[in-house]
Amino acid sequence: MAEKKETKAKEVKESKEIKEAKVEAPQAPIGNFVYIGKKGAMAYVLAVVTQFGMGAKEVIVKARGKSISRAVDVAEIVRNRDTTVKIIDINISTEEVITQDGRPLKVSSIEIILKK
């Protein structure tokens, strides 16, 4: 009798663990974004080309601050290598970021929308 209770308790515990494992992670923003950082431009060119290769019709190249020039380079390299890719729109803005000190800092940003 005690064995049946232990087995039942074990099954309940295992089913709880399975339920907890099925909780979905938060979804990434919808869209095909390539965020430009500190890597070389060709790494981001590969990311954009990969997005187009996976069937994306539109890819958005985003950058802030000092990475803006690299984002422009990436868009131009992609556009010059593949003549079917066109620059649809360019959006510029200023974002306010809080530094580690807690001070607000205004940072320029750019979005370049490429379409195939």
C-alpha atoms as a PDB file:
ATOM      1  CA  MET A   1       0.000   0.000   0.000  1.00  0.00           C
ATOM      2  CA  ALA A   2       2.813   2.386   0.899  1.00  0.00           C
ATOM      3  CA  GLU A   3       4.535   1.576  -2.397  1.00  0.00           C
ATOM      4  CA  LYS A   4       1.418   2.600  -4.355  1.00  0.00           C
ATOM      5  CA  LYS A   5       1.303   5.968  -2.547  1.00  0.00           C
ATOM      6  CA  GLU A   6       5.014   6.567  -3.259  1.00  0.00           C
ATOM      7  CA  THR A   7       4.541   5.642  -6.920  1.00  0.00           C
ATOM      8  CA  LYS A   8       1.496   7.914  -7.192  1.00  0.00           C
ATOM      9  CA  ALA A   9       3.390  10.769  -5.507  1.00  0.00           C
ATOM     10  CA  LYS A  10       6.317  10.239  -7.882  1.00  0.00           C
ATOM     11  CA  GLU A  11       3.983  10.346 -10.929  1.00  0.00           C
ATOM     12  CA  VAL A  12       2.393  13.582  -9.717  1.00  0.00           C
ATOM     13  CA  LYS A  13       5.822  15.121  -9.144  1.00  0.00           C
ATOM     14  CA  GLU A  14       6.992  14.078 -12.633  1.00  0.00           C
ATOM     15  CA  SER A  15       3.837  15.477 -14.254  1.00  0.00           C
ATOM     16  CA  LYS A  16       4.419  18.822 -12.488  1.00  0.00           C
ATOM     17  CA  GLU A  17       7.986  18.901 -13.796  1.00  0.00           C
ATOM     18  CA  ILE A  18       6.741  18.252 -17.324  1.00  0.00           C
ATOM     19  CA  LYS A  19       4.147  21.029 -17.049  1.00  0.00           C
ATOM     20  CA  GLU A  20       6.792  23.459 -15.854  1.00  0.00           C
ATOM     21  CA  ALA A  21       9.071  22.570 -18.754  1.00  0.00           C
ATOM     22  CA  LYS A  22       6.310  23.379 -21.275  1.00  0.00           C
ATOM     23  CA  VAL A  23       6.167  27.066 -20.301  1.00  0.00           C
ATOM     24  CA  GLU A  24       7.060  29.055 -23.412  1.00  0.00           C
ATOM     25  CA  ALA A  25       9.829  31.621 -23.479  1.00  0.00           C
ATOM     26  CA  PRO A  26       8.905  35.208 -24.400  1.00  0.00           C
ATOM     27  CA  GLN A  27       8.690  35.799 -28.135  1.00  0.00           C
ATOM     28  CA  ALA A  28      11.290  37.880 -29.974  1.00  0.00           C
ATOM     29  CA  PRO A  29      10.044  40.983 -31.758  1.00  0.00           C
ATOM     30  CA  ILE A  30       8.206  40.147 -34.962  1.00  0.00           C
ATOM     31  CA  GLY A  31      10.258  40.946 -38.021  1.00  0.00           C
ATOM     32  CA  ASN A  32      13.618  40.289 -39.577  1.00  0.00           C
ATOM     33  CA  PHE A  33      16.056  42.496 -37.713  1.00  0.00           C
ATOM     34  CA  VAL A  34      19.842  42.596 -37.844  1.00  0.00           C
ATOM     35  CA  TYR A  35      21.284  44.595 -34.946  1.00  0.00           C
ATOM     36  CA  ILE A  36      24.684  46.074 -35.750  1.00  0.00           C
ATOM     37  CA  GLY A  37      27.323  45.940 -33.024  1.00  0.00           C
ATOM     38  CA  LYS A  38      31.099  45.781 -32.811  1.00  0.00           C
ATOM     39  CA  LYS A  39      31.806  42.871 -35.178  1.00  0.00           C
ATOM     40  CA  GLY A  40      33.127  43.405 -38.678  1.00  0.00           C
ATOM     41  CA  ALA A  41      30.715  44.523 -41.386  1.00  0.00           C
ATOM     42  CA  MET A  42      30.930  41.211 -43.260  1.00  0.00           C
ATOM     43  CA  ALA A  43      29.494  39.315 -40.273  1.00  0.00           C
ATOM     44  CA  TYR A  44      26.357  41.446 -40.519  1.00  0.00           C
ATOM     45  CA  VAL A  45      26.280  41.192 -44.321  1.00  0.00           C
ATOM     46  CA  LEU A  46      26.186  37.416 -43.869  1.00  0.00           C
ATOM     47  CA  ALA A  47      23.324  37.785 -41.371  1.00  0.00           C
ATOM     48  CA  VAL A  48      21.301  39.893 -43.834  1.00  0.00           C
ATOM     49  CA  VAL A  49      21.997  37.536 -46.739  1.00  0.00           C
ATOM     50  CA  THR A  50      21.002  34.589 -44.534  1.00  0.00           C
ATOM     51  CA  GLN A  51      17.697  36.296 -43.675  1.00  0.00           C
ATOM     52  CA  PHE A  52      16.958  36.800 -47.370  1.00  0.00           C
ATOM     53  CA  GLY A  53      18.028  33.224 -48.084  1.00  0.00           C
ATOM     54  CA  MET A  54      15.509  31.947 -45.532  1.00  0.00           C
ATOM     55  CA  GLY A  55      12.715  33.623 -47.491  1.00  0.00           C
ATOM     56  CA  ALA A  56      12.467  37.025 -45.839  1.00  0.00           C
ATOM     57  CA  LYS A  57      11.177  39.697 -48.201  1.00  0.00           C
ATOM     58  CA  GLU A  58      12.289  42.551 -45.954  1.00  0.00           C
ATOM     59  CA  VAL A  59      15.194  42.928 -43.497  1.00  0.00           C
ATOM     60  CA  ILE A  60      15.677  45.829 -41.101  1.00  0.00           C
ATOM     61  CA  VAL A  61      19.262  46.790 -40.244  1.00  0.00           C
ATOM     62  CA  LYS A  62      19.368  48.637 -36.898  1.00  0.00           C
ATOM     63  CA  ALA A  63      22.254  50.456 -35.213  1.00  0.00           C
ATOM     64  CA  ARG A  64      22.938  53.048 -32.519  1.00  0.00           C
ATOM     65  CA  GLY A  65      25.750  55.474 -31.877  1.00  0.00           C
ATOM     66  CA  LYS A  66      29.140  54.658 -33.353  1.00  0.00           C
ATOM     67  CA  SER A  67      27.737  51.591 -35.149  1.00  0.00           C
ATOM     68  CA  ILE A  68      25.638  53.723 -37.517  1.00  0.00           C
ATOM     69  CA  SER A  69      28.414  53.976 -40.109  1.00  0.00           C
ATOM     70  CA  ARG A  70      28.842  50.192 -40.009  1.00  0.00           C
ATOM     71  CA  ALA A  71      25.082  49.769 -40.620  1.00  0.00           C
ATOM     72  CA  VAL A  72      25.327  52.003 -43.692  1.00  0.00           C
ATOM     73  CA  ASP A  73      28.310  49.945 -44.908  1.00  0.00           C
ATOM     74  CA  VAL A  74      26.351  46.706 -44.426  1.00  0.00           C
ATOM     75  CA  ALA A  75      23.345  48.011 -46.356  1.00  0.00           C
ATOM     76  CA  GLU A  76      25.547  49.247 -49.199  1.00  0.00           C
ATOM     77  CA  ILE A  77      27.534  46.004 -49.428  1.00  0.00           C
ATOM     78  CA  VAL A  78      24.328  43.944 -49.569  1.00  0.00           C
ATOM     79  CA  ARG A  79      22.780  46.284 -52.132  1.00  0.00           C
ATOM     80  CA  ASN A  80      25.880  46.270 -54.364  1.00  0.00           C
ATOM     81  CA  ARG A  81      26.332  42.485 -54.232  1.00  0.00           C
ATOM     82  CA  ASP A  82      22.695  41.663 -54.984  1.00  0.00           C
ATOM     83  CA  THR A  83      21.005  43.994 -57.471  1.00  0.00           C
ATOM     84  CA  THR A  84      17.540  42.709 -56.503  1.00  0.00           C
ATOM     85  CA  VAL A  85      17.904  44.240 -53.022  1.00  0.00           C
ATOM     86  CA  LYS A  86      16.645  47.810 -52.707  1.00  0.00           C
ATOM     87  CA  ILE A  87      16.698  50.295 -49.852  1.00  0.00           C
ATOM     88  CA  ILE A  88      13.037  51.001 -49.123  1.00  0.00           C
ATOM     89  CA  ASP A  89      13.309  53.452 -46.235  1.00  0.00           C
ATOM     90  CA  ILE A  90      15.757  54.936 -43.752  1.00  0.00           C
ATOM     91  CA  ASN A  91      14.533  56.051 -40.335  1.00  0.00           C
ATOM     92  CA  ILE A  92      16.669  58.060 -37.928  1.00  0.00           C
ATOM     93  CA  SER A  93      15.872  58.893 -34.334  1.00  0.00           C
ATOM     94  CA  THR A  94      17.320  59.726 -30.949  1.00  0.00           C
ATOM     95  CA  GLU A  95      16.883  57.270 -28.097  1.00  0.00           C
ATOM     96  CA  GLU A  96      17.349  58.090 -24.454  1.00  0.00           C
ATOM     97  CA  VAL A  97      19.402  55.487 -22.603  1.00  0.00           C
ATOM     98  CA  ILE A  98      20.120  55.395 -18.881  1.00  0.00           C
ATOM     99  CA  THR A  99      23.845  55.011 -18.123  1.00  0.00           C
ATOM    100  CA  GLN A 100      25.243  52.874 -15.311  1.00  0.00           C
ATOM    101  CA  ASP A 101      25.515  56.057 -13.244  1.00  0.00           C
ATOM    102  CA  GLY A 102      21.758  56.564 -13.656  1.00  0.00           C
ATOM    103  CA  ARG A 103      22.148  59.580 -15.937  1.00  0.00           C
ATOM    104  CA  PRO A 104      20.075  59.879 -19.129  1.00  0.00           C
ATOM    105  CA  LEU A 105      22.094  59.833 -22.342  1.00  0.00           C
ATOM    106  CA  LYS A 106      20.779  60.613 -25.811  1.00  0.00           C
ATOM    107  CA  VAL A 107      22.005  58.237 -28.504  1.00  0.00           C
ATOM    108  CA  SER A 108      21.358  58.511 -32.242  1.00  0.00           C
ATOM    109  CA  SER A 109      19.917  55.467 -33.990  1.00  0.00           C
ATOM    110  CA  ILE A 110      19.165  54.371 -37.541  1.00  0.00           C
ATOM    111  CA  GLU A 111      16.970  51.766 -39.208  1.00  0.00           C
ATOM    112  CA  ILE A 112      17.645  50.843 -42.823  1.00  0.00           C
ATOM    113  CA  ILE A 113      14.878  48.784 -44.416  1.00  0.00           C
ATOM    114  CA  LEU A 114      16.050  46.515 -47.229  1.00  0.00           C
ATOM    115  CA  LYS A 115      13.617  44.708 -49.547  1.00  0.00           C
ATOM    116  CA  LYS A 116      14.248  41.921 -52.017  1.00  0.00           C
END
